[in-house]
């Protein structure tokens, strides 16, 4: 689902570390700095000029609160980043629940493949 490009900068915050445990480490962003125009979902994006996938919304698998977190596809982000500049390219899917963390991990792998396809096709 193509959306109008939306760019924003947000401060980084400490997360729960679940992404790393699933094999997809993320950088969490300050929710107060996320634009109101961004709906909940999973997005292909560019973060600090690097291809990335972003989750914005609740974490139903873990019965946890809303978060905005970014996973870099091809590079480890520099340690200690104070903020990220994100350009949202395309919404991949809605946030949804999965029966287990392993099922979520499988979906994340599919989301990464989809993001690569979107970004490699130059939609941004």
PDB file of N, CA and C in Angstrom:
ATOM      1  N   UNK A   1       0.845  -1.173   0.000  1.00  0.00           N
ATOM      2  CA  UNK A   1       0.000   0.000   0.000  1.00  0.00           C
ATOM      3  C   UNK A   1       0.891   1.237   0.000  1.00  0.00           C
ATOM      4  N   UNK A   2       0.955   1.922  -1.109  1.00  0.00           N
ATOM      5  CA  UNK A   2       1.779   3.111  -1.233  1.00  0.00           C
ATOM      6  C   UNK A   2       1.147   4.252  -0.448  1.00  0.00           C
ATOM      7  N   UNK A   3       1.972   4.951   0.308  1.00  0.00           N
ATOM      8  CA  UNK A   3       1.505   6.107   1.060  1.00  0.00           C
ATOM      9  C   UNK A   3       2.303   7.319   0.597  1.00  0.00           C
ATOM     10  N   UNK A   4       1.786   8.492   0.878  1.00  0.00           N
ATOM     11  CA  UNK A   4       2.555   9.691   0.588  1.00  0.00           C
ATOM     12  C   UNK A   4       3.794   9.657   1.477  1.00  0.00           C
ATOM     13  N   UNK A   5       4.951   9.967   0.904  1.00  0.00           N
ATOM     14  CA  UNK A   5       6.178   9.903   1.696  1.00  0.00           C
ATOM     15  C   UNK A   5       6.090  10.826   2.884  1.00  0.00           C
ATOM     16  N   UNK A   6       6.530  10.304   3.989  1.00  0.00           N
ATOM     17  CA  UNK A   6       6.488  11.020   5.247  1.00  0.00           C
ATOM     18  C   UNK A   6       7.864  10.895   5.872  1.00  0.00           C
ATOM     19  N   UNK A   7       8.482  12.012   6.223  1.00  0.00           N
ATOM     20  CA  UNK A   7       9.785  11.992   6.880  1.00  0.00           C
ATOM     21  C   UNK A   7       9.678  12.645   8.239  1.00  0.00           C
ATOM     22  N   UNK A   8      10.440  12.109   9.182  1.00  0.00           N
ATOM     23  CA  UNK A   8      10.467  12.687  10.525  1.00  0.00           C
ATOM     24  C   UNK A   8      11.772  12.303  11.208  1.00  0.00           C
ATOM     25  N   UNK A   9      12.117  13.062  12.230  1.00  0.00           N
ATOM     26  CA  UNK A   9      13.269  12.765  13.071  1.00  0.00           C
ATOM     27  C   UNK A   9      12.759  12.582  14.488  1.00  0.00           C
ATOM     28  N   UNK A  10      13.242  11.533  15.150  1.00  0.00           N
ATOM     29  CA  UNK A  10      12.820  11.256  16.519  1.00  0.00           C
ATOM     30  C   UNK A  10      14.027  10.800  17.336  1.00  0.00           C
ATOM     31  N   UNK A  11      14.014  11.143  18.592  1.00  0.00           N
ATOM     32  CA  UNK A  11      15.065  10.707  19.513  1.00  0.00           C
ATOM     33  C   UNK A  11      14.954   9.205  19.739  1.00  0.00           C
ATOM     34  N   UNK A  12      16.086   8.567  19.974  1.00  0.00           N
ATOM     35  CA  UNK A  12      16.086   7.138  20.283  1.00  0.00           C
ATOM     36  C   UNK A  12      15.845   6.934  21.774  1.00  0.00           C
ATOM     37  N   UNK A  13      15.266   5.787  22.097  1.00  0.00           N
ATOM     38  CA  UNK A  13      15.016   5.421  23.493  1.00  0.00           C
ATOM     39  C   UNK A  13      15.428   3.967  23.700  1.00  0.00           C
ATOM     40  N   UNK A  14      15.512   3.578  24.940  1.00  0.00           N
ATOM     41  CA  UNK A  14      15.859   2.199  25.267  1.00  0.00           C
ATOM     42  C   UNK A  14      14.631   1.317  25.129  1.00  0.00           C
ATOM     43  N   UNK A  15      14.807   0.167  24.469  1.00  0.00           N
ATOM     44  CA  UNK A  15      13.711  -0.781  24.301  1.00  0.00           C
ATOM     45  C   UNK A  15      13.859  -1.964  25.249  1.00  0.00           C
ATOM     46  N   UNK A  16      13.004  -2.956  25.048  1.00  0.00           N
ATOM     47  CA  UNK A  16      13.001  -4.145  25.897  1.00  0.00           C
ATOM     48  C   UNK A  16      14.030  -5.188  25.466  1.00  0.00           C
ATOM     49  N   UNK A  17      14.602  -5.041  24.271  1.00  0.00           N
ATOM     50  CA  UNK A  17      15.587  -5.993  23.784  1.00  0.00           C
ATOM     51  C   UNK A  17      15.000  -7.210  23.095  1.00  0.00           C
ATOM     52  N   UNK A  18      13.698  -7.204  22.862  1.00  0.00           N
ATOM     53  CA  UNK A  18      13.054  -8.365  22.232  1.00  0.00           C
ATOM     54  C   UNK A  18      13.471  -8.548  20.780  1.00  0.00           C
ATOM     55  N   UNK A  19      13.662  -7.448  20.059  1.00  0.00           N
ATOM     56  CA  UNK A  19      14.084  -7.541  18.662  1.00  0.00           C
ATOM     57  C   UNK A  19      15.400  -8.295  18.538  1.00  0.00           C
ATOM     58  N   UNK A  20      16.333  -7.975  19.391  1.00  0.00           N
ATOM     59  CA  UNK A  20      17.622  -8.655  19.370  1.00  0.00           C
ATOM     60  C   UNK A  20      17.429 -10.144  19.631  1.00  0.00           C
ATOM     61  N   UNK A  21      16.545 -10.473  20.562  1.00  0.00           N
ATOM     62  CA  UNK A  21      16.258 -11.870  20.878  1.00  0.00           C
ATOM     63  C   UNK A  21      15.621 -12.625  19.719  1.00  0.00           C
ATOM     64  N   UNK A  22      14.932 -11.896  18.841  1.00  0.00           N
ATOM     65  CA  UNK A  22      14.309 -12.504  17.661  1.00  0.00           C
ATOM     66  C   UNK A  22      15.242 -12.497  16.448  1.00  0.00           C
ATOM     67  N   UNK A  23      16.451 -11.973  16.631  1.00  0.00           N
ATOM     68  CA  UNK A  23      17.403 -11.916  15.526  1.00  0.00           C
ATOM     69  C   UNK A  23      17.268 -10.684  14.664  1.00  0.00           C
ATOM     70  N   UNK A  24      16.446  -9.731  15.079  1.00  0.00           N
ATOM     71  CA  UNK A  24      16.257  -8.483  14.340  1.00  0.00           C
ATOM     72  C   UNK A  24      16.341  -7.310  15.317  1.00  0.00           C
ATOM     73  N   UNK A  25      17.561  -6.945  15.693  1.00  0.00           N
ATOM     74  CA  UNK A  25      17.708  -5.845  16.652  1.00  0.00           C
ATOM     75  C   UNK A  25      17.090  -4.556  16.118  1.00  0.00           C
ATOM     76  N   UNK A  26      16.484  -3.807  17.012  1.00  0.00           N
ATOM     77  CA  UNK A  26      15.813  -2.570  16.619  1.00  0.00           C
ATOM     78  C   UNK A  26      16.301  -1.397  17.446  1.00  0.00           C
ATOM     79  N   UNK A  27      16.045  -0.226  16.909  1.00  0.00           N
ATOM     80  CA  UNK A  27      16.249   1.017  17.636  1.00  0.00           C
ATOM     81  C   UNK A  27      14.858   1.586  17.895  1.00  0.00           C
ATOM     82  N   UNK A  28      14.557   1.836  19.144  1.00  0.00           N
ATOM     83  CA  UNK A  28      13.251   2.372  19.517  1.00  0.00           C
ATOM     84  C   UNK A  28      13.271   3.891  19.457  1.00  0.00           C
ATOM     85  N   UNK A  29      12.128   4.453  19.042  1.00  0.00           N
ATOM     86  CA  UNK A  29      12.001   5.898  18.893  1.00  0.00           C
ATOM     87  C   UNK A  29      11.017   6.471  19.897  1.00  0.00           C
ATOM     88  N   UNK A  30      11.241   7.713  20.257  1.00  0.00           N
ATOM     89  CA  UNK A  30      10.372   8.427  21.188  1.00  0.00           C
ATOM     90  C   UNK A  30       8.990   8.594  20.554  1.00  0.00           C
ATOM     91  N   UNK A  31       7.980   8.005  21.175  1.00  0.00           N
ATOM     92  CA  UNK A  31       6.623   8.036  20.619  1.00  0.00           C
ATOM     93  C   UNK A  31       6.058   9.440  20.496  1.00  0.00           C
ATOM     94  N   UNK A  32       6.456  10.340  21.363  1.00  0.00           N
ATOM     95  CA  UNK A  32       5.945  11.711  21.313  1.00  0.00           C
ATOM     96  C   UNK A  32       6.399  12.447  20.058  1.00  0.00           C
ATOM     97  N   UNK A  33       7.415  11.922  19.368  1.00  0.00           N
ATOM     98  CA  UNK A  33       7.947  12.585  18.185  1.00  0.00           C
ATOM     99  C   UNK A  33       7.524  11.901  16.878  1.00  0.00           C
ATOM    100  N   UNK A  34       6.635  10.932  16.978  1.00  0.00           N
ATOM    101  CA  UNK A  34       6.130  10.249  15.792  1.00  0.00           C
ATOM    102  C   UNK A  34       4.965  11.078  15.237  1.00  0.00           C
ATOM    103  N   UNK A  35       4.967  11.381  13.952  1.00  0.00           N
ATOM    104  CA  UNK A  35       3.894  12.217  13.384  1.00  0.00           C
ATOM    105  C   UNK A  35       2.510  11.581  13.555  1.00  0.00           C
ATOM    106  N   UNK A  36       1.535  12.410  13.852  1.00  0.00           N
ATOM    107  CA  UNK A  36       0.160  11.937  14.017  1.00  0.00           C
ATOM    108  C   UNK A  36      -0.376  11.317  12.727  1.00  0.00           C
ATOM    109  N   UNK A  37       0.170  11.730  11.592  1.00  0.00           N
ATOM    110  CA  UNK A  37      -0.302  11.220  10.298  1.00  0.00           C
ATOM    111  C   UNK A  37       0.105   9.763  10.047  1.00  0.00           C
ATOM    112  N   UNK A  38       1.062   9.251  10.807  1.00  0.00           N
ATOM    113  CA  UNK A  38       1.525   7.880  10.613  1.00  0.00           C
ATOM    114  C   UNK A  38       0.600   6.926  11.355  1.00  0.00           C
ATOM    115  N   UNK A  39      -0.072   6.069  10.631  1.00  0.00           N
ATOM    116  CA  UNK A  39      -0.934   5.070  11.253  1.00  0.00           C
ATOM    117  C   UNK A  39      -0.129   3.864  11.694  1.00  0.00           C
ATOM    118  N   UNK A  40      -0.726   3.071  12.561  1.00  0.00           N
ATOM    119  CA  UNK A  40      -0.066   1.851  13.015  1.00  0.00           C
ATOM    120  C   UNK A  40       0.186   0.926  11.840  1.00  0.00           C
ATOM    121  N   UNK A  41       1.322   0.245  11.855  1.00  0.00           N
ATOM    122  CA  UNK A  41       1.628  -0.704  10.803  1.00  0.00           C
ATOM    123  C   UNK A  41       3.096  -1.033  10.717  1.00  0.00           C
ATOM    124  N   UNK A  42       3.416  -1.824   9.704  1.00  0.00           N
ATOM    125  CA  UNK A  42       4.782  -2.208   9.392  1.00  0.00           C
ATOM    126  C   UNK A  42       5.132  -1.518   8.070  1.00  0.00           C
ATOM    127  N   UNK A  43       6.292  -0.847   8.026  1.00  0.00           N
ATOM    128  CA  UNK A  43       6.637   0.011   6.904  1.00  0.00           C
ATOM    129  C   UNK A  43       8.030  -0.270   6.355  1.00  0.00           C
ATOM    130  N   UNK A  44       8.167  -0.193   5.042  1.00  0.00           N
ATOM    131  CA  UNK A  44       9.471  -0.107   4.399  1.00  0.00           C
ATOM    132  C   UNK A  44       9.897   1.344   4.524  1.00  0.00           C
ATOM    133  N   UNK A  45      11.149   1.571   4.912  1.00  0.00           N
ATOM    134  CA  UNK A  45      11.588   2.943   5.114  1.00  0.00           C
ATOM    135  C   UNK A  45      13.095   3.070   4.887  1.00  0.00           C
ATOM    136  N   UNK A  46      13.526   4.299   4.916  1.00  0.00           N
ATOM    137  CA  UNK A  46      14.945   4.635   4.901  1.00  0.00           C
ATOM    138  C   UNK A  46      15.202   5.351   6.226  1.00  0.00           C
ATOM    139  N   UNK A  47      16.175   4.860   6.982  1.00  0.00           N
ATOM    140  CA  UNK A  47      16.497   5.473   8.275  1.00  0.00           C
ATOM    141  C   UNK A  47      17.976   5.855   8.266  1.00  0.00           C
ATOM    142  N   UNK A  48      18.237   7.117   8.481  1.00  0.00           N
ATOM    143  CA  UNK A  48      19.615   7.628   8.413  1.00  0.00           C
ATOM    144  C   UNK A  48      20.308   7.146   7.138  1.00  0.00           C
ATOM    145  N   UNK A  49      19.602   7.243   6.028  1.00  0.00           N
ATOM    146  CA  UNK A  49      20.104   6.890   4.690  1.00  0.00           C
ATOM    147  C   UNK A  49      20.374   5.399   4.500  1.00  0.00           C
ATOM    148  N   UNK A  50      19.817   4.556   5.350  1.00  0.00           N
ATOM    149  CA  UNK A  50      19.995   3.107   5.243  1.00  0.00           C
ATOM    150  C   UNK A  50      18.637   2.435   5.057  1.00  0.00           C
ATOM    151  N   UNK A  51      18.565   1.352   4.264  1.00  0.00           N
ATOM    152  CA  UNK A  51      17.292   0.620   4.140  1.00  0.00           C
ATOM    153  C   UNK A  51      16.907   0.010   5.484  1.00  0.00           C
ATOM    154  N   UNK A  52      15.618   0.106   5.793  1.00  0.00           N
ATOM    155  CA  UNK A  52      15.147  -0.358   7.100  1.00  0.00           C
ATOM    156  C   UNK A  52      13.670  -0.738   7.025  1.00  0.00           C
ATOM    157  N   UNK A  53      13.230  -1.449   8.039  1.00  0.00           N
ATOM    158  CA  UNK A  53      11.818  -1.773   8.214  1.00  0.00           C
ATOM    159  C   UNK A  53      11.414  -1.227   9.580  1.00  0.00           C
ATOM    160  N   UNK A  54      10.196  -0.707   9.670  1.00  0.00           N
ATOM    161  CA  UNK A  54       9.753  -0.065  10.901  1.00  0.00           C
ATOM    162  C   UNK A  54       8.418  -0.636  11.353  1.00  0.00           C
ATOM    163  N   UNK A  55       8.301  -0.846  12.652  1.00  0.00           N
ATOM    164  CA  UNK A  55       7.047  -1.255  13.295  1.00  0.00           C
ATOM    165  C   UNK A  55       6.554  -0.083  14.128  1.00  0.00           C
ATOM    166  N   UNK A  56       5.288   0.279  13.933  1.00  0.00           N
ATOM    167  CA  UNK A  56       4.675   1.317  14.771  1.00  0.00           C
ATOM    168  C   UNK A  56       3.329   0.803  15.231  1.00  0.00           C
ATOM    169  N   UNK A  57       3.188   0.645  16.526  1.00  0.00           N
ATOM    170  CA  UNK A  57       1.919   0.188  17.085  1.00  0.00           C
ATOM    171  C   UNK A  57       2.141  -0.713  18.284  1.00  0.00           C
ATOM    172  N   UNK A  58       1.070  -1.374  18.722  1.00  0.00           N
ATOM    173  CA  UNK A  58       1.177  -2.265  19.885  1.00  0.00           C
ATOM    174  C   UNK A  58       1.970  -3.523  19.538  1.00  0.00           C
ATOM    175  N   UNK A  59       2.337  -4.265  20.555  1.00  0.00           N
ATOM    176  CA  UNK A  59       3.073  -5.524  20.384  1.00  0.00           C
ATOM    177  C   UNK A  59       2.216  -6.648  20.951  1.00  0.00           C
ATOM    178  N   UNK A  60       1.205  -7.071  20.186  1.00  0.00           N
ATOM    179  CA  UNK A  60       0.227  -8.024  20.721  1.00  0.00           C
ATOM    180  C   UNK A  60       0.806  -9.386  21.113  1.00  0.00           C
ATOM    181  N   UNK A  61       1.841  -9.850  20.441  1.00  0.00           N
ATOM    182  CA  UNK A  61       2.432 -11.144  20.795  1.00  0.00           C
ATOM    183  C   UNK A  61       2.920 -11.119  22.240  1.00  0.00           C
ATOM    184  N   UNK A  62       3.418  -9.970  22.660  1.00  0.00           N
ATOM    185  CA  UNK A  62       3.967  -9.833  24.010  1.00  0.00           C
ATOM    186  C   UNK A  62       3.009  -9.122  24.969  1.00  0.00           C
ATOM    187  N   UNK A  63       1.781  -8.849  24.479  1.00  0.00           N
ATOM    188  CA  UNK A  63       0.782  -8.134  25.276  1.00  0.00           C
ATOM    189  C   UNK A  63       1.382  -6.860  25.872  1.00  0.00           C
ATOM    190  N   UNK A  64       2.043  -6.100  24.981  1.00  0.00           N
ATOM    191  CA  UNK A  64       2.780  -4.929  25.431  1.00  0.00           C
ATOM    192  C   UNK A  64       2.272  -3.671  24.731  1.00  0.00           C
ATOM    193  N   UNK A  65       2.703  -2.538  25.228  1.00  0.00           N
ATOM    194  CA  UNK A  65       2.244  -1.233  24.772  1.00  0.00           C
ATOM    195  C   UNK A  65       2.771  -0.879  23.381  1.00  0.00           C
ATOM    196  N   UNK A  66       2.319   0.260  22.899  1.00  0.00           N
ATOM    197  CA  UNK A  66       2.710   0.779  21.593  1.00  0.00           C
ATOM    198  C   UNK A  66       4.185   1.159  21.585  1.00  0.00           C
ATOM    199  N   UNK A  67       4.823   0.907  20.452  1.00  0.00           N
ATOM    200  CA  UNK A  67       6.218   1.274  20.250  1.00  0.00           C
ATOM    201  C   UNK A  67       6.436   1.658  18.797  1.00  0.00           C
ATOM    202  N   UNK A  68       7.515   2.363  18.547  1.00  0.00           N
ATOM    203  CA  UNK A  68       7.969   2.618  17.188  1.00  0.00           C
ATOM    204  C   UNK A  68       9.427   2.189  17.162  1.00  0.00           C
ATOM    205  N   UNK A  69       9.723   1.170  16.347  1.00  0.00           N
ATOM    206  CA  UNK A  69      11.068   0.631  16.328  1.00  0.00           C
ATOM    207  C   UNK A  69      11.511   0.347  14.902  1.00  0.00           C
ATOM    208  N   UNK A  70      12.803   0.563  14.663  1.00  0.00           N
ATOM    209  CA  UNK A  70      13.386   0.472  13.334  1.00  0.00           C
ATOM    210  C   UNK A  70      14.472  -0.598  13.327  1.00  0.00           C
ATOM    211  N   UNK A  71      14.431  -1.456  12.295  1.00  0.00           N
ATOM    212  CA  UNK A  71      15.475  -2.464  12.091  1.00  0.00           C
ATOM    213  C   UNK A  71      16.204  -2.140  10.793  1.00  0.00           C
ATOM    214  N   UNK A  72      17.516  -1.920  10.871  1.00  0.00           N
ATOM    215  CA  UNK A  72      18.338  -1.674   9.697  1.00  0.00           C
ATOM    216  C   UNK A  72      18.573  -2.996   8.979  1.00  0.00           C
ATOM    217  N   UNK A  73      18.426  -3.006   7.644  1.00  0.00           N
ATOM    218  CA  UNK A  73      18.541  -4.250   6.891  1.00  0.00           C
ATOM    219  C   UNK A  73      19.974  -4.694   6.651  1.00  0.00           C
ATOM    220  N   UNK A  74      20.858  -3.791   6.292  1.00  0.00           N
ATOM    221  CA  UNK A  74      22.176  -4.198   5.821  1.00  0.00           C
ATOM    222  C   UNK A  74      23.347  -3.676   6.632  1.00  0.00           C
ATOM    223  N   UNK A  75      23.092  -2.960   7.667  1.00  0.00           N
ATOM    224  CA  UNK A  75      24.184  -2.384   8.448  1.00  0.00           C
ATOM    225  C   UNK A  75      23.770  -2.269   9.902  1.00  0.00           C
ATOM    226  N   UNK A  76      24.733  -2.427  10.761  1.00  0.00           N
ATOM    227  CA  UNK A  76      24.484  -2.157  12.170  1.00  0.00           C
ATOM    228  C   UNK A  76      24.562  -0.647  12.361  1.00  0.00           C
ATOM    229  N   UNK A  77      23.563  -0.068  12.981  1.00  0.00           N
ATOM    230  CA  UNK A  77      23.635   1.378  13.207  1.00  0.00           C
ATOM    231  C   UNK A  77      24.750   1.697  14.205  1.00  0.00           C
ATOM    232  N   UNK A  78      25.268   2.890  14.099  1.00  0.00           N
ATOM    233  CA  UNK A  78      26.310   3.326  15.026  1.00  0.00           C
ATOM    234  C   UNK A  78      25.773   3.268  16.453  1.00  0.00           C
ATOM    235  N   UNK A  79      26.605   2.852  17.349  1.00  0.00           N
ATOM    236  CA  UNK A  79      26.212   2.802  18.769  1.00  0.00           C
ATOM    237  C   UNK A  79      25.972   4.218  19.282  1.00  0.00           C
ATOM    238  N   UNK A  80      25.009   4.339  20.150  1.00  0.00           N
ATOM    239  CA  UNK A  80      24.771   5.604  20.808  1.00  0.00           C
ATOM    240  C   UNK A  80      24.100   6.675  19.961  1.00  0.00           C
ATOM    241  N   UNK A  81      23.372   6.271  18.919  1.00  0.00           N
ATOM    242  CA  UNK A  81      22.658   7.265  18.113  1.00  0.00           C
ATOM    243  C   UNK A  81      21.653   8.012  18.986  1.00  0.00           C
ATOM    244  N   UNK A  82      21.676   9.329  18.917  1.00  0.00           N
ATOM    245  CA  UNK A  82      20.742  10.127  19.708  1.00  0.00           C
ATOM    246  C   UNK A  82      19.388  10.235  19.036  1.00  0.00           C
ATOM    247  N   UNK A  83      19.376  10.152  17.688  1.00  0.00           N
ATOM    248  CA  UNK A  83      18.124  10.278  16.951  1.00  0.00           C
ATOM    249  C   UNK A  83      18.244   9.562  15.616  1.00  0.00           C
ATOM    250  N   UNK A  84      17.090   9.320  14.995  1.00  0.00           N
ATOM    251  CA  UNK A  84      17.030   8.755  13.651  1.00  0.00           C
ATOM    252  C   UNK A  84      16.151   9.652  12.795  1.00  0.00           C
ATOM    253  N   UNK A  85      16.542   9.816  11.541  1.00  0.00           N
ATOM    254  CA  UNK A  85      15.684  10.466  10.564  1.00  0.00           C
ATOM    255  C   UNK A  85      15.132   9.363   9.678  1.00  0.00           C
ATOM    256  N   UNK A  86      13.817   9.267   9.639  1.00  0.00           N
ATOM    257  CA  UNK A  86      13.130   8.181   8.951  1.00  0.00           C
ATOM    258  C   UNK A  86      12.293   8.747   7.810  1.00  0.00           C
ATOM    259  N   UNK A  87      12.426   8.130   6.636  1.00  0.00           N
ATOM    260  CA  UNK A  87      11.536   8.424   5.515  1.00  0.00           C
ATOM    261  C   UNK A  87      10.720   7.168   5.271  1.00  0.00           C
ATOM    262  N   UNK A  88       9.431   7.270   5.493  1.00  0.00           N
ATOM    263  CA  UNK A  88       8.524   6.144   5.286  1.00  0.00           C
ATOM    264  C   UNK A  88       8.244   6.044   3.797  1.00  0.00           C
ATOM    265  N   UNK A  89       8.469   4.854   3.225  1.00  0.00           N
ATOM    266  CA  UNK A  89       8.306   4.660   1.788  1.00  0.00           C
ATOM    267  C   UNK A  89       6.974   3.997   1.469  1.00  0.00           C
ATOM    268  N   UNK A  90       6.672   2.906   2.155  1.00  0.00           N
ATOM    269  CA  UNK A  90       5.439   2.179   1.856  1.00  0.00           C
ATOM    270  C   UNK A  90       5.011   1.338   3.056  1.00  0.00           C
ATOM    271  N   UNK A  91       3.703   1.293   3.284  1.00  0.00           N
ATOM    272  CA  UNK A  91       3.166   0.419   4.326  1.00  0.00           C
ATOM    273  C   UNK A  91       3.124  -1.005   3.779  1.00  0.00           C
ATOM    274  N   UNK A  92       3.652  -1.928   4.560  1.00  0.00           N
ATOM    275  CA  UNK A  92       3.686  -3.332   4.154  1.00  0.00           C
ATOM    276  C   UNK A  92       2.427  -4.065   4.619  1.00  0.00           C
ATOM    277  N   UNK A  93       2.059  -3.834   5.872  1.00  0.00           N
ATOM    278  CA  UNK A  93       0.892  -4.531   6.428  1.00  0.00           C
ATOM    279  C   UNK A  93       0.471  -3.865   7.730  1.00  0.00           C
ATOM    280  N   UNK A  94      -0.679  -4.289   8.228  1.00  0.00           N
ATOM    281  CA  UNK A  94      -1.154  -3.847   9.530  1.00  0.00           C
ATOM    282  C   UNK A  94      -0.452  -4.635  10.638  1.00  0.00           C
ATOM    283  N   UNK A  95      -0.474  -4.085  11.833  1.00  0.00           N
ATOM    284  CA  UNK A  95      -0.006  -4.815  13.017  1.00  0.00           C
ATOM    285  C   UNK A  95      -1.020  -5.915  13.297  1.00  0.00           C
ATOM    286  N   UNK A  96      -0.529  -7.109  13.619  1.00  0.00           N
ATOM    287  CA  UNK A  96      -1.450  -8.183  13.990  1.00  0.00           C
ATOM    288  C   UNK A  96      -0.801  -9.114  15.004  1.00  0.00           C
ATOM    289  N   UNK A  97      -1.605  -9.938  15.601  1.00  0.00           N
ATOM    290  CA  UNK A  97      -1.143 -10.877  16.617  1.00  0.00           C
ATOM    291  C   UNK A  97      -0.658 -12.159  15.947  1.00  0.00           C
ATOM    292  N   UNK A  98       0.232 -12.856  16.615  1.00  0.00           N
ATOM    293  CA  UNK A  98       0.731 -14.149  16.163  1.00  0.00           C
ATOM    294  C   UNK A  98       0.676 -15.110  17.341  1.00  0.00           C
ATOM    295  N   UNK A  99       0.574 -16.419  17.072  1.00  0.00           N
ATOM    296  CA  UNK A  99       0.420 -17.377  18.155  1.00  0.00           C
ATOM    297  C   UNK A  99       1.666 -17.561  19.026  1.00  0.00           C
ATOM    298  N   UNK A 100       2.838 -17.113  18.516  1.00  0.00           N
ATOM    299  CA  UNK A 100       4.065 -17.312  19.288  1.00  0.00           C
ATOM    300  C   UNK A 100       5.152 -16.362  18.779  1.00  0.00           C
ATOM    301  N   UNK A 101       6.203 -16.157  19.571  1.00  0.00           N
ATOM    302  CA  UNK A 101       7.336 -15.365  19.093  1.00  0.00           C
ATOM    303  C   UNK A 101       7.972 -15.971  17.834  1.00  0.00           C
ATOM    304  N   UNK A 102       7.991 -17.301  17.724  1.00  0.00           N
ATOM    305  CA  UNK A 102       8.551 -17.935  16.527  1.00  0.00           C
ATOM    306  C   UNK A 102       7.736 -17.598  15.283  1.00  0.00           C
ATOM    307  N   UNK A 103       6.414 -17.578  15.416  1.00  0.00           N
ATOM    308  CA  UNK A 103       5.559 -17.202  14.289  1.00  0.00           C
ATOM    309  C   UNK A 103       5.789 -15.736  13.913  1.00  0.00           C
ATOM    310  N   UNK A 104       5.963 -14.886  14.915  1.00  0.00           N
ATOM    311  CA  UNK A 104       6.282 -13.481  14.651  1.00  0.00           C
ATOM    312  C   UNK A 104       7.619 -13.379  13.924  1.00  0.00           C
ATOM    313  N   UNK A 105       8.609 -14.146  14.352  1.00  0.00           N
ATOM    314  CA  UNK A 105       9.932 -14.122  13.711  1.00  0.00           C
ATOM    315  C   UNK A 105       9.828 -14.486  12.231  1.00  0.00           C
ATOM    316  N   UNK A 106       9.015 -15.488  11.908  1.00  0.00           N
ATOM    317  CA  UNK A 106       8.805 -15.869  10.506  1.00  0.00           C
ATOM    318  C   UNK A 106       8.206 -14.718   9.710  1.00  0.00           C
ATOM    319  N   UNK A 107       7.231 -14.022  10.315  1.00  0.00           N
ATOM    320  CA  UNK A 107       6.602 -12.895   9.625  1.00  0.00           C
ATOM    321  C   UNK A 107       7.591 -11.749   9.448  1.00  0.00           C
ATOM    322  N   UNK A 108       8.422 -11.508  10.450  1.00  0.00           N
ATOM    323  CA  UNK A 108       9.430 -10.453  10.337  1.00  0.00           C
ATOM    324  C   UNK A 108      10.354 -10.736   9.163  1.00  0.00           C
ATOM    325  N   UNK A 109      10.741 -12.000   8.997  1.00  0.00           N
ATOM    326  CA  UNK A 109      11.596 -12.369   7.865  1.00  0.00           C
ATOM    327  C   UNK A 109      10.900 -12.072   6.536  1.00  0.00           C
ATOM    328  N   UNK A 110       9.599 -12.340   6.458  1.00  0.00           N
ATOM    329  CA  UNK A 110       8.836 -12.009   5.249  1.00  0.00           C
ATOM    330  C   UNK A 110       8.752 -10.497   5.047  1.00  0.00           C
ATOM    331  N   UNK A 111       8.556  -9.764   6.150  1.00  0.00           N
ATOM    332  CA  UNK A 111       8.495  -8.299   6.067  1.00  0.00           C
ATOM    333  C   UNK A 111       9.814  -7.724   5.541  1.00  0.00           C
ATOM    334  N   UNK A 112      10.928  -8.313   5.971  1.00  0.00           N
ATOM    335  CA  UNK A 112      12.241  -7.859   5.511  1.00  0.00           C
ATOM    336  C   UNK A 112      12.391  -8.117   4.020  1.00  0.00           C
ATOM    337  N   UNK A 113      11.978  -9.294   3.558  1.00  0.00           N
ATOM    338  CA  UNK A 113      12.040  -9.597   2.119  1.00  0.00           C
ATOM    339  C   UNK A 113      11.184  -8.622   1.315  1.00  0.00           C
ATOM    340  N   UNK A 114       9.994  -8.344   1.811  1.00  0.00           N
ATOM    341  CA  UNK A 114       9.092  -7.408   1.145  1.00  0.00           C
ATOM    342  C   UNK A 114       9.713  -6.008   1.098  1.00  0.00           C
ATOM    343  N   UNK A 115      10.320  -5.595   2.202  1.00  0.00           N
ATOM    344  CA  UNK A 115      10.967  -4.283   2.259  1.00  0.00           C
ATOM    345  C   UNK A 115      12.095  -4.197   1.251  1.00  0.00           C
ATOM    346  N   UNK A 116      12.913  -5.236   1.175  1.00  0.00           N
ATOM    347  CA  UNK A 116      14.011  -5.249   0.196  1.00  0.00           C
ATOM    348  C   UNK A 116      13.475  -5.071  -1.226  1.00  0.00           C
ATOM    349  N   UNK A 117      12.405  -5.790  -1.525  1.00  0.00           N
ATOM    350  CA  UNK A 117      11.801  -5.704  -2.853  1.00  0.00           C
ATOM    351  C   UNK A 117      11.315  -4.297  -3.158  1.00  0.00           C
ATOM    352  N   UNK A 118      10.637  -3.692  -2.212  1.00  0.00           N
ATOM    353  CA  UNK A 118      10.117  -2.338  -2.386  1.00  0.00           C
ATOM    354  C   UNK A 118      11.265  -1.346  -2.613  1.00  0.00           C
ATOM    355  N   UNK A 119      12.278  -1.431  -1.767  1.00  0.00           N
ATOM    356  CA  UNK A 119      13.370  -0.466  -1.844  1.00  0.00           C
ATOM    357  C   UNK A 119      14.256  -0.696  -3.065  1.00  0.00           C
ATOM    358  N   UNK A 120      14.433  -1.945  -3.452  1.00  0.00           N
ATOM    359  CA  UNK A 120      15.247  -2.235  -4.633  1.00  0.00           C
ATOM    360  C   UNK A 120      14.540  -1.810  -5.917  1.00  0.00           C
ATOM    361  N   UNK A 121      13.230  -1.747  -5.900  1.00  0.00           N
ATOM    362  CA  UNK A 121      12.489  -1.318  -7.070  1.00  0.00           C
ATOM    363  C   UNK A 121      12.436   0.213  -7.178  1.00  0.00           C
ATOM    364  N   UNK A 122      13.113   0.883  -6.272  1.00  0.00           N
ATOM    365  CA  UNK A 122      13.261   2.335  -6.371  1.00  0.00           C
ATOM    366  C   UNK A 122      12.009   3.134  -6.132  1.00  0.00           C
ATOM    367  N   UNK A 123      11.074   2.620  -5.329  1.00  0.00           N
ATOM    368  CA  UNK A 123       9.847   3.364  -5.075  1.00  0.00           C
ATOM    369  C   UNK A 123      10.098   4.593  -4.201  1.00  0.00           C
ATOM    370  N   UNK A 124      11.286   4.752  -3.761  1.00  0.00           N
ATOM    371  CA  UNK A 124      11.595   5.910  -2.916  1.00  0.00           C
ATOM    372  C   UNK A 124      12.545   6.821  -3.635  1.00  0.00           C
TER     373      UNK A 124
END
